[in-house]
Amino acid sequence: MLLQSLAALKSQYGEQGQIELEHDFYWDISDDQRYAIYQEPQGFTIGQLSEDSQIIRESQERGIIGFDLLKAAHLLRYIGHTHPIL
């Protein structure tokens, strides 16, 4: 399903398609709170999509690590919410 969605995005925006970031910053919560659904999260932090994107670009030169997947997840969530596949 994920690969099909990414293929659809590629066909919609082109091989080197650029998706504009209408909102660069987002709220994030720590990993230990993210899945503790019976407790209200405290201490939100702020993430930045443009920084996440830069980290992903750098990973192409140094090799992908687990941290990159977390950054990609933020970007995919943003794209899923703001750029539906037509």
Protein backbone atom coordinates (compact mmCIF):
# COMPACT_ATOMS: atom_id res chain seq x y z
CA MET A 1 0.00 0.00 0.00
CA LEU A 2 2.80 2.44 0.90
CA LEU A 3 4.69 1.72 -2.30
CA GLN A 4 1.52 2.18 -4.35
CA SER A 5 0.87 5.52 -2.63
CA LEU A 6 4.42 6.70 -3.29
CA ALA A 7 4.14 5.63 -6.94
CA ALA A 8 0.89 7.59 -7.26
CA LEU A 9 2.55 10.68 -5.75
CA LYS A 10 5.46 10.32 -8.17
CA SER A 11 3.08 10.12 -11.13
CA GLN A 12 1.12 13.15 -9.86
CA TYR A 13 4.11 15.39 -9.06
CA GLY A 14 6.76 13.99 -11.40
CA GLU A 15 10.03 12.14 -10.79
CA GLN A 16 11.65 15.14 -9.08
CA GLY A 17 8.34 16.66 -7.94
CA GLN A 18 8.48 19.39 -5.37
CA ILE A 19 5.70 19.61 -2.82
CA GLU A 20 5.39 23.05 -1.30
CA LEU A 21 5.48 23.21 2.49
CA GLU A 22 2.58 25.49 3.36
CA HIS A 23 3.31 24.84 7.04
CA ASP A 24 6.89 24.24 8.10
CA PHE A 25 6.51 23.63 11.84
CA TYR A 26 4.48 20.97 13.63
CA TRP A 27 3.78 19.77 17.15
CA ASP A 28 5.45 16.56 18.26
CA ILE A 29 5.35 14.50 21.43
CA SER A 30 8.05 12.30 22.90
CA ASP A 31 8.18 8.64 21.97
CA ASP A 32 7.47 7.46 25.51
CA GLN A 33 4.19 9.43 25.49
CA ARG A 34 3.09 8.72 21.92
CA TYR A 35 1.75 5.25 22.67
CA ALA A 36 0.70 5.79 26.30
CA ILE A 37 -2.89 6.47 25.26
CA TYR A 38 -4.29 6.38 28.80
CA GLN A 39 -2.19 9.38 29.83
CA GLU A 40 -2.58 12.87 28.42
CA PRO A 41 0.67 13.92 26.74
CA GLN A 42 2.74 16.68 28.36
CA GLY A 43 5.68 18.72 27.12
CA PHE A 44 5.08 18.98 23.39
CA THR A 45 8.07 19.84 21.22
CA ILE A 46 8.23 21.51 17.83
CA GLY A 47 9.51 19.83 14.67
CA GLN A 48 10.33 21.40 11.31
CA LEU A 49 9.47 19.80 7.98
CA SER A 50 12.16 21.65 6.03
CA GLU A 51 14.75 20.32 8.49
CA ASP A 52 13.30 16.81 8.17
CA SER A 53 13.56 17.11 4.39
CA GLN A 54 17.20 18.26 4.60
CA ILE A 55 18.07 15.30 6.84
CA ILE A 56 16.49 12.92 4.30
CA ARG A 57 18.51 14.50 1.46
CA GLU A 58 21.71 14.11 3.48
CA SER A 59 20.90 10.45 4.13
CA GLN A 60 21.33 9.74 0.43
CA GLU A 61 25.03 10.53 0.80
CA ARG A 62 25.74 8.92 4.19
CA GLY A 63 23.31 6.01 4.08
CA ILE A 64 19.91 5.65 5.71
CA ILE A 65 19.67 5.14 9.46
CA GLY A 66 16.59 4.56 11.65
CA PHE A 67 16.42 8.25 12.55
CA ASP A 68 15.80 9.04 8.87
CA LEU A 69 12.69 6.86 8.88
CA LEU A 70 11.26 8.97 11.70
CA LYS A 71 11.93 12.14 9.70
CA ALA A 72 10.36 10.57 6.60
CA ALA A 73 7.29 9.68 8.68
CA HIS A 74 6.76 13.36 9.54
CA LEU A 75 7.00 14.29 5.87
CA LEU A 76 4.66 11.48 4.78
CA ARG A 77 2.10 12.49 7.39
CA TYR A 78 2.20 16.09 6.14
CA ILE A 79 1.84 15.02 2.50
CA GLY A 80 -1.02 12.68 3.39
CA HIS A 81 -2.90 15.48 5.13
CA THR A 82 -2.27 18.28 2.65
CA HIS A 83 -1.76 16.72 -0.80
CA PRO A 84 -4.29 14.00 -1.52
CA ILE A 85 -3.53 11.69 -4.39
CA LEU A 86 -5.80 12.60 -7.27
